[in-house]
């Protein structure tokens, strides 16, 4: 039976203004390797965590696309998912099919956050257990309306509500999961911050990673800091100005 779950974060793609510099930055920071997937027409560079591909690296496809990390969620039925997105006020920005990979679409949620969805030809990549070092361990969605955004993603992808943290004047931080394992959180963005997803990469030591980011020409925007449960995170910009974060686990 093919494994095409609804709502698994299955791929993470970096679109950047300088793929060569970005390759050097992340391989040194995270310990990833890279590999070329060659279908015979359009070679595609993948981030490799050991023998496991965890994402992709590419130049900007058009001048209108800003440098960013893009998350892909899996679906067993792309047409049904796109119909749900449209019905709930989201926008389909692009659809494409890649032989041997599957059908996918780049989407925008009703509040402006951009993400992607894929119906793979074979089994979906990734897994539903806790992230290992070198995998994507968390994701935050900053948005203009946390409750509306949560209603959208939970209905489209069947995500489960996890803890809901009171952030005082900033409202609530709604965590979500697929079953028992938490995957991320949604919150109201501060004034002036555009809607969007921030991806966290698990590293052995967030403090050491933050220092490495600065040494390689990136910036540390926030942290390293302890979060509930004792883990540490740092929110950063890479050397090309793309937001991302690092996460280290205290117990585990």
C-alpha atoms as a PDB file:
ATOM      1  CA  UNK A   1       0.000   0.000   0.000  1.00  0.00           C
ATOM      2  CA  UNK A   2       1.333   3.455  -0.924  1.00  0.00           C
ATOM      3  CA  UNK A   3       2.066   5.787   1.978  1.00  0.00           C
ATOM      4  CA  UNK A   4       0.603   9.175   1.013  1.00  0.00           C
ATOM      5  CA  UNK A   5      -0.610  10.654   4.283  1.00  0.00           C
ATOM      6  CA  UNK A   6      -2.555  13.892   4.446  1.00  0.00           C
ATOM      7  CA  UNK A   7      -0.697  16.701   6.198  1.00  0.00           C
ATOM      8  CA  UNK A   8       2.823  15.286   6.631  1.00  0.00           C
ATOM      9  CA  UNK A   9       5.567  17.906   6.222  1.00  0.00           C
ATOM     10  CA  UNK A  10       7.487  15.878   3.711  1.00  0.00           C
ATOM     11  CA  UNK A  11       9.930  18.193   1.868  1.00  0.00           C
ATOM     12  CA  UNK A  12      11.694  21.529   2.435  1.00  0.00           C
ATOM     13  CA  UNK A  13      13.087  23.505  -0.485  1.00  0.00           C
ATOM     14  CA  UNK A  14      15.473  26.446  -0.383  1.00  0.00           C
ATOM     15  CA  UNK A  15      15.060  28.913  -3.243  1.00  0.00           C
ATOM     16  CA  UNK A  16      17.964  31.331  -3.086  1.00  0.00           C
ATOM     17  CA  UNK A  17      19.771  34.052  -4.985  1.00  0.00           C
ATOM     18  CA  UNK A  18      23.109  32.195  -4.678  1.00  0.00           C
ATOM     19  CA  UNK A  19      22.853  28.384  -4.592  1.00  0.00           C
ATOM     20  CA  UNK A  20      26.621  27.911  -4.428  1.00  0.00           C
ATOM     21  CA  UNK A  21      27.001  30.128  -1.356  1.00  0.00           C
ATOM     22  CA  UNK A  22      23.905  28.621   0.257  1.00  0.00           C
ATOM     23  CA  UNK A  23      25.245  25.099  -0.305  1.00  0.00           C
ATOM     24  CA  UNK A  24      28.458  26.030   1.467  1.00  0.00           C
ATOM     25  CA  UNK A  25      26.599  27.736   4.331  1.00  0.00           C
ATOM     26  CA  UNK A  26      24.192  24.902   5.184  1.00  0.00           C
ATOM     27  CA  UNK A  27      26.601  22.020   4.629  1.00  0.00           C
ATOM     28  CA  UNK A  28      28.993  23.657   7.083  1.00  0.00           C
ATOM     29  CA  UNK A  29      26.263  24.630   9.549  1.00  0.00           C
ATOM     30  CA  UNK A  30      24.113  21.493   9.585  1.00  0.00           C
ATOM     31  CA  UNK A  31      26.445  18.828   8.226  1.00  0.00           C
ATOM     32  CA  UNK A  32      24.279  18.094   5.203  1.00  0.00           C
ATOM     33  CA  UNK A  33      25.631  16.754   1.966  1.00  0.00           C
ATOM     34  CA  UNK A  34      24.070  17.271  -1.435  1.00  0.00           C
ATOM     35  CA  UNK A  35      23.108  14.960  -4.259  1.00  0.00           C
ATOM     36  CA  UNK A  36      21.826  15.512  -7.794  1.00  0.00           C
ATOM     37  CA  UNK A  37      18.583  13.859  -8.800  1.00  0.00           C
ATOM     38  CA  UNK A  38      18.692  13.638 -12.569  1.00  0.00           C
ATOM     39  CA  UNK A  39      15.528  12.705 -14.420  1.00  0.00           C
ATOM     40  CA  UNK A  40      17.287  13.184 -17.749  1.00  0.00           C
ATOM     41  CA  UNK A  41      15.831  16.644 -18.328  1.00  0.00           C
ATOM     42  CA  UNK A  42      15.998  18.889 -15.279  1.00  0.00           C
ATOM     43  CA  UNK A  43      18.657  17.945 -12.694  1.00  0.00           C
ATOM     44  CA  UNK A  44      17.633  18.876  -9.158  1.00  0.00           C
ATOM     45  CA  UNK A  45      19.927  19.278  -6.161  1.00  0.00           C
ATOM     46  CA  UNK A  46      18.861  17.677  -2.899  1.00  0.00           C
ATOM     47  CA  UNK A  47      19.953  18.215   0.701  1.00  0.00           C
ATOM     48  CA  UNK A  48      21.131  14.900   2.122  1.00  0.00           C
ATOM     49  CA  UNK A  49      21.115  14.085   5.832  1.00  0.00           C
ATOM     50  CA  UNK A  50      23.394  11.080   5.592  1.00  0.00           C
ATOM     51  CA  UNK A  51      21.671   8.781   3.111  1.00  0.00           C
ATOM     52  CA  UNK A  52      18.264  10.473   3.552  1.00  0.00           C
ATOM     53  CA  UNK A  53      17.121  13.362   1.321  1.00  0.00           C
ATOM     54  CA  UNK A  54      15.398  16.041   3.397  1.00  0.00           C
ATOM     55  CA  UNK A  55      14.881  18.824   0.876  1.00  0.00           C
ATOM     56  CA  UNK A  56      16.029  20.661  -2.199  1.00  0.00           C
ATOM     57  CA  UNK A  57      18.201  23.584  -3.284  1.00  0.00           C
ATOM     58  CA  UNK A  58      17.559  25.738  -6.325  1.00  0.00           C
ATOM     59  CA  UNK A  59      17.999  29.225  -7.725  1.00  0.00           C
ATOM     60  CA  UNK A  60      15.077  31.610  -7.845  1.00  0.00           C
ATOM     61  CA  UNK A  61      12.649  30.374 -10.525  1.00  0.00           C
ATOM     62  CA  UNK A  62      11.514  33.915 -11.451  1.00  0.00           C
ATOM     63  CA  UNK A  63      12.523  37.430 -10.363  1.00  0.00           C
ATOM     64  CA  UNK A  64       9.181  37.762  -8.582  1.00  0.00           C
ATOM     65  CA  UNK A  65       9.891  34.895  -6.150  1.00  0.00           C
ATOM     66  CA  UNK A  66      11.727  36.090  -3.033  1.00  0.00           C
ATOM     67  CA  UNK A  67      14.495  33.941  -1.510  1.00  0.00           C
ATOM     68  CA  UNK A  68      12.813  31.581   0.954  1.00  0.00           C
ATOM     69  CA  UNK A  69      12.456  28.136   2.460  1.00  0.00           C
ATOM     70  CA  UNK A  70       9.282  26.462   1.140  1.00  0.00           C
ATOM     71  CA  UNK A  71       7.554  23.610   2.997  1.00  0.00           C
ATOM     72  CA  UNK A  72       5.680  20.825   1.211  1.00  0.00           C
ATOM     73  CA  UNK A  73       2.831  18.902   2.835  1.00  0.00           C
ATOM     74  CA  UNK A  74       1.751  15.573   1.391  1.00  0.00           C
ATOM     75  CA  UNK A  75      -1.719  14.625   0.216  1.00  0.00           C
ATOM     76  CA  UNK A  76      -3.192  11.426  -1.216  1.00  0.00           C
ATOM     77  CA  UNK A  77      -5.408  13.487  -3.576  1.00  0.00           C
ATOM     78  CA  UNK A  78      -4.102  16.797  -4.917  1.00  0.00           C
ATOM     79  CA  UNK A  79      -7.336  17.721  -6.687  1.00  0.00           C
ATOM     80  CA  UNK A  80      -9.349  17.305  -3.498  1.00  0.00           C
ATOM     81  CA  UNK A  81      -6.838  19.312  -1.482  1.00  0.00           C
ATOM     82  CA  UNK A  82      -6.806  22.156  -4.012  1.00  0.00           C
ATOM     83  CA  UNK A  83     -10.599  22.237  -3.999  1.00  0.00           C
ATOM     84  CA  UNK A  84     -10.530  22.570  -0.198  1.00  0.00           C
ATOM     85  CA  UNK A  85      -7.915  25.337  -0.384  1.00  0.00           C
ATOM     86  CA  UNK A  86     -10.012  27.330  -2.852  1.00  0.00           C
ATOM     87  CA  UNK A  87     -13.255  26.755  -0.939  1.00  0.00           C
ATOM     88  CA  UNK A  88     -11.675  28.071   2.260  1.00  0.00           C
ATOM     89  CA  UNK A  89     -10.249  31.209   0.670  1.00  0.00           C
ATOM     90  CA  UNK A  90      -6.734  30.117  -0.255  1.00  0.00           C
ATOM     91  CA  UNK A  91      -5.064  30.667  -3.625  1.00  0.00           C
ATOM     92  CA  UNK A  92      -3.372  28.240  -5.999  1.00  0.00           C
ATOM     93  CA  UNK A  93      -0.279  30.047  -7.307  1.00  0.00           C
ATOM     94  CA  UNK A  94       1.186  27.275  -9.460  1.00  0.00           C
ATOM     95  CA  UNK A  95       0.515  23.650 -10.398  1.00  0.00           C
ATOM     96  CA  UNK A  96       3.053  21.259 -11.879  1.00  0.00           C
ATOM     97  CA  UNK A  97       3.706  17.576 -12.469  1.00  0.00           C
ATOM     98  CA  UNK A  98       7.199  16.081 -12.412  1.00  0.00           C
ATOM     99  CA  UNK A  99       7.659  12.532 -13.786  1.00  0.00           C
ATOM    100  CA  UNK A 100       8.764  10.012 -11.154  1.00  0.00           C
ATOM    101  CA  UNK A 101       8.077  12.587  -8.420  1.00  0.00           C
ATOM    102  CA  UNK A 102       4.391  13.483  -8.516  1.00  0.00           C
ATOM    103  CA  UNK A 103       1.982  16.378  -8.821  1.00  0.00           C
ATOM    104  CA  UNK A 104       2.401  19.437  -6.672  1.00  0.00           C
ATOM    105  CA  UNK A 105       1.144  22.987  -6.232  1.00  0.00           C
ATOM    106  CA  UNK A 106       2.393  26.163  -4.588  1.00  0.00           C
ATOM    107  CA  UNK A 107      -0.348  27.738  -2.510  1.00  0.00           C
ATOM    108  CA  UNK A 108      -1.134  30.813  -0.441  1.00  0.00           C
ATOM    109  CA  UNK A 109      -3.319  30.603   2.644  1.00  0.00           C
ATOM    110  CA  UNK A 110      -6.082  33.226   3.161  1.00  0.00           C
ATOM    111  CA  UNK A 111      -3.790  35.345   5.350  1.00  0.00           C
ATOM    112  CA  UNK A 112      -0.892  35.336   2.848  1.00  0.00           C
ATOM    113  CA  UNK A 113       1.383  32.514   4.039  1.00  0.00           C
ATOM    114  CA  UNK A 114       2.948  30.557   1.163  1.00  0.00           C
ATOM    115  CA  UNK A 115       3.460  26.776   1.239  1.00  0.00           C
ATOM    116  CA  UNK A 116       3.293  23.818  -1.125  1.00  0.00           C
ATOM    117  CA  UNK A 117       1.503  20.500  -1.346  1.00  0.00           C
ATOM    118  CA  UNK A 118       2.518  17.321  -3.156  1.00  0.00           C
ATOM    119  CA  UNK A 119       0.791  14.120  -4.224  1.00  0.00           C
ATOM    120  CA  UNK A 120       3.827  11.857  -4.675  1.00  0.00           C
ATOM    121  CA  UNK A 121       3.985   9.125  -7.293  1.00  0.00           C
ATOM    122  CA  UNK A 122       5.327   6.674  -4.722  1.00  0.00           C
ATOM    123  CA  UNK A 123       5.541   6.804  -0.966  1.00  0.00           C
ATOM    124  CA  UNK A 124       5.795  10.203   0.643  1.00  0.00           C
ATOM    125  CA  UNK A 125       9.209  11.215   1.952  1.00  0.00           C
ATOM    126  CA  UNK A 126       9.789  11.867   5.637  1.00  0.00           C
ATOM    127  CA  UNK A 127       8.254  10.249   8.685  1.00  0.00           C
ATOM    128  CA  UNK A 128       5.952  11.068  11.580  1.00  0.00           C
ATOM    129  CA  UNK A 129       8.316  10.464  14.487  1.00  0.00           C
ATOM    130  CA  UNK A 130      10.445  12.997  16.363  1.00  0.00           C
ATOM    131  CA  UNK A 131      13.046  14.699  14.176  1.00  0.00           C
ATOM    132  CA  UNK A 132      16.631  13.492  14.237  1.00  0.00           C
ATOM    133  CA  UNK A 133      19.643  15.815  14.047  1.00  0.00           C
ATOM    134  CA  UNK A 134      19.767  17.233  10.522  1.00  0.00           C
ATOM    135  CA  UNK A 135      15.995  17.001  10.020  1.00  0.00           C
ATOM    136  CA  UNK A 136      13.373  19.743  10.218  1.00  0.00           C
ATOM    137  CA  UNK A 137      12.014  19.586  13.741  1.00  0.00           C
ATOM    138  CA  UNK A 138       9.547  22.485  14.019  1.00  0.00           C
ATOM    139  CA  UNK A 139       7.825  25.168  12.012  1.00  0.00           C
ATOM    140  CA  UNK A 140       6.151  28.440  13.012  1.00  0.00           C
ATOM    141  CA  UNK A 141       3.485  30.261  11.041  1.00  0.00           C
ATOM    142  CA  UNK A 142       3.323  33.999  11.675  1.00  0.00           C
ATOM    143  CA  UNK A 143      -0.034  35.262  10.424  1.00  0.00           C
ATOM    144  CA  UNK A 144      -2.529  38.098  10.589  1.00  0.00           C
ATOM    145  CA  UNK A 145      -5.309  36.006  12.164  1.00  0.00           C
ATOM    146  CA  UNK A 146      -4.184  32.996  14.165  1.00  0.00           C
ATOM    147  CA  UNK A 147      -7.654  31.529  14.693  1.00  0.00           C
ATOM    148  CA  UNK A 148      -8.572  31.812  11.008  1.00  0.00           C
ATOM    149  CA  UNK A 149      -5.231  30.366   9.913  1.00  0.00           C
ATOM    150  CA  UNK A 150      -5.582  27.438  12.301  1.00  0.00           C
ATOM    151  CA  UNK A 151      -9.121  26.777  11.023  1.00  0.00           C
ATOM    152  CA  UNK A 152      -7.786  26.710   7.443  1.00  0.00           C
ATOM    153  CA  UNK A 153      -4.848  24.352   7.987  1.00  0.00           C
ATOM    154  CA  UNK A 154      -6.676  22.044  10.360  1.00  0.00           C
ATOM    155  CA  UNK A 155      -9.543  21.566   7.901  1.00  0.00           C
ATOM    156  CA  UNK A 156      -7.439  21.227   4.747  1.00  0.00           C
ATOM    157  CA  UNK A 157      -4.820  18.893   6.236  1.00  0.00           C
ATOM    158  CA  UNK A 158      -6.551  17.253   9.203  1.00  0.00           C
ATOM    159  CA  UNK A 159      -3.978  18.548  11.696  1.00  0.00           C
ATOM    160  CA  UNK A 160      -4.681  18.085  15.381  1.00  0.00           C
ATOM    161  CA  UNK A 161      -4.716  20.837  17.985  1.00  0.00           C
ATOM    162  CA  UNK A 162      -1.981  20.475  20.602  1.00  0.00           C
ATOM    163  CA  UNK A 163      -1.157  22.918  23.416  1.00  0.00           C
ATOM    164  CA  UNK A 164      -2.399  26.493  23.243  1.00  0.00           C
ATOM    165  CA  UNK A 165      -0.097  28.957  24.985  1.00  0.00           C
ATOM    166  CA  UNK A 166      -1.260  32.373  26.208  1.00  0.00           C
ATOM    167  CA  UNK A 167       1.246  34.992  24.979  1.00  0.00           C
ATOM    168  CA  UNK A 168      -0.472  37.887  26.759  1.00  0.00           C
ATOM    169  CA  UNK A 169      -0.960  40.978  24.557  1.00  0.00           C
ATOM    170  CA  UNK A 170       0.272  39.009  21.543  1.00  0.00           C
ATOM    171  CA  UNK A 171      -2.609  36.532  21.768  1.00  0.00           C
ATOM    172  CA  UNK A 172      -2.241  32.768  21.684  1.00  0.00           C
ATOM    173  CA  UNK A 173       0.324  30.404  20.238  1.00  0.00           C
ATOM    174  CA  UNK A 174      -1.584  27.419  18.830  1.00  0.00           C
ATOM    175  CA  UNK A 175       0.544  24.280  18.542  1.00  0.00           C
ATOM    176  CA  UNK A 176      -0.484  21.487  16.188  1.00  0.00           C
ATOM    177  CA  UNK A 177       0.369  17.852  15.556  1.00  0.00           C
ATOM    178  CA  UNK A 178      -0.366  14.770  13.484  1.00  0.00           C
ATOM    179  CA  UNK A 179      -1.355  12.399  16.257  1.00  0.00           C
ATOM    180  CA  UNK A 180       0.889  12.498  19.334  1.00  0.00           C
ATOM    181  CA  UNK A 181       3.944  14.229  17.877  1.00  0.00           C
ATOM    182  CA  UNK A 182       3.858  18.067  17.842  1.00  0.00           C
ATOM    183  CA  UNK A 183       4.959  19.675  14.588  1.00  0.00           C
ATOM    184  CA  UNK A 184       4.766  23.443  15.026  1.00  0.00           C
ATOM    185  CA  UNK A 185       2.748  26.453  16.051  1.00  0.00           C
ATOM    186  CA  UNK A 186       0.708  29.367  14.685  1.00  0.00           C
ATOM    187  CA  UNK A 187       0.657  32.873  16.135  1.00  0.00           C
ATOM    188  CA  UNK A 188      -0.296  36.459  15.310  1.00  0.00           C
ATOM    189  CA  UNK A 189       2.662  38.262  13.764  1.00  0.00           C
ATOM    190  CA  UNK A 190       3.860  41.530  15.282  1.00  0.00           C
ATOM    191  CA  UNK A 191       3.027  44.699  13.345  1.00  0.00           C
ATOM    192  CA  UNK A 192       5.160  45.005  10.234  1.00  0.00           C
ATOM    193  CA  UNK A 193       6.070  41.317  10.044  1.00  0.00           C
ATOM    194  CA  UNK A 194       4.750  39.664   6.857  1.00  0.00           C
ATOM    195  CA  UNK A 195       2.852  36.357   7.079  1.00  0.00           C
ATOM    196  CA  UNK A 196       4.983  33.303   6.491  1.00  0.00           C
ATOM    197  CA  UNK A 197       6.453  30.031   7.700  1.00  0.00           C
ATOM    198  CA  UNK A 198       9.734  29.744   9.624  1.00  0.00           C
ATOM    199  CA  UNK A 199      11.444  26.338   9.521  1.00  0.00           C
ATOM    200  CA  UNK A 200      13.588  24.925  12.352  1.00  0.00           C
ATOM    201  CA  UNK A 201      16.489  22.548  11.697  1.00  0.00           C
ATOM    202  CA  UNK A 202      17.561  20.241  14.514  1.00  0.00           C
ATOM    203  CA  UNK A 203      21.258  20.659  15.355  1.00  0.00           C
ATOM    204  CA  UNK A 204      23.384  19.201  18.166  1.00  0.00           C
ATOM    205  CA  UNK A 205      23.833  22.579  19.895  1.00  0.00           C
ATOM    206  CA  UNK A 206      21.823  25.727  19.120  1.00  0.00           C
ATOM    207  CA  UNK A 207      24.427  27.931  20.822  1.00  0.00           C
ATOM    208  CA  UNK A 208      27.272  26.602  18.672  1.00  0.00           C
ATOM    209  CA  UNK A 209      25.102  26.818  15.559  1.00  0.00           C
ATOM    210  CA  UNK A 210      24.226  30.451  16.290  1.00  0.00           C
ATOM    211  CA  UNK A 211      27.914  31.319  16.559  1.00  0.00           C
ATOM    212  CA  UNK A 212      28.597  29.517  13.284  1.00  0.00           C
ATOM    213  CA  UNK A 213      25.803  31.458  11.567  1.00  0.00           C
ATOM    214  CA  UNK A 214      27.477  34.745  12.517  1.00  0.00           C
ATOM    215  CA  UNK A 215      30.944  33.509  11.520  1.00  0.00           C
ATOM    216  CA  UNK A 216      29.655  32.575   8.047  1.00  0.00           C
ATOM    217  CA  UNK A 217      27.990  35.923   7.348  1.00  0.00           C
ATOM    218  CA  UNK A 218      24.462  35.217   8.555  1.00  0.00           C
ATOM    219  CA  UNK A 219      22.584  36.963  11.355  1.00  0.00           C
ATOM    220  CA  UNK A 220      21.041  35.781  14.615  1.00  0.00           C
ATOM    221  CA  UNK A 221      17.747  37.629  15.070  1.00  0.00           C
ATOM    222  CA  UNK A 222      16.576  36.037  18.312  1.00  0.00           C
ATOM    223  CA  UNK A 223      18.284  33.723  20.802  1.00  0.00           C
ATOM    224  CA  UNK A 224      19.732  31.322  21.492  1.00  0.00           C
ATOM    225  CA  UNK A 225      16.999  30.997  24.077  1.00  0.00           C
ATOM    226  CA  UNK A 226      15.359  28.272  26.104  1.00  0.00           C
ATOM    227  CA  UNK A 227      11.793  27.305  25.236  1.00  0.00           C
ATOM    228  CA  UNK A 228       9.230  25.415  27.325  1.00  0.00           C
ATOM    229  CA  UNK A 229      10.465  21.860  27.830  1.00  0.00           C
ATOM    230  CA  UNK A 230      14.116  22.879  28.071  1.00  0.00           C
ATOM    231  CA  UNK A 231      15.135  22.860  24.389  1.00  0.00           C
ATOM    232  CA  UNK A 232      17.038  25.770  22.837  1.00  0.00           C
ATOM    233  CA  UNK A 233      16.335  27.661  19.623  1.00  0.00           C
ATOM    234  CA  UNK A 234      17.854  30.526  17.650  1.00  0.00           C
ATOM    235  CA  UNK A 235      16.080  32.367  14.843  1.00  0.00           C
ATOM    236  CA  UNK A 236      18.437  33.462  12.072  1.00  0.00           C
ATOM    237  CA  UNK A 237      19.037  34.765   8.571  1.00  0.00           C
ATOM    238  CA  UNK A 238      21.414  32.868   6.330  1.00  0.00           C
ATOM    239  CA  UNK A 239      24.132  34.689   4.382  1.00  0.00           C
ATOM    240  CA  UNK A 240      21.660  35.355   1.527  1.00  0.00           C
ATOM    241  CA  UNK A 241      19.065  36.829   3.913  1.00  0.00           C
ATOM    242  CA  UNK A 242      16.693  33.843   4.083  1.00  0.00           C
ATOM    243  CA  UNK A 243      14.996  33.303   7.480  1.00  0.00           C
ATOM    244  CA  UNK A 244      15.415  29.934   9.212  1.00  0.00           C
ATOM    245  CA  UNK A 245      15.940  28.663  12.759  1.00  0.00           C
ATOM    246  CA  UNK A 246      17.979  26.068  14.603  1.00  0.00           C
ATOM    247  CA  UNK A 247      16.771  23.840  17.436  1.00  0.00           C
ATOM    248  CA  UNK A 248      18.657  21.621  19.849  1.00  0.00           C
ATOM    249  CA  UNK A 249      17.084  19.074  22.155  1.00  0.00           C
ATOM    250  CA  UNK A 250      18.089  18.965  25.813  1.00  0.00           C
ATOM    251  CA  UNK A 251      16.668  15.541  26.615  1.00  0.00           C
ATOM    252  CA  UNK A 252      16.504  13.170  23.711  1.00  0.00           C
END
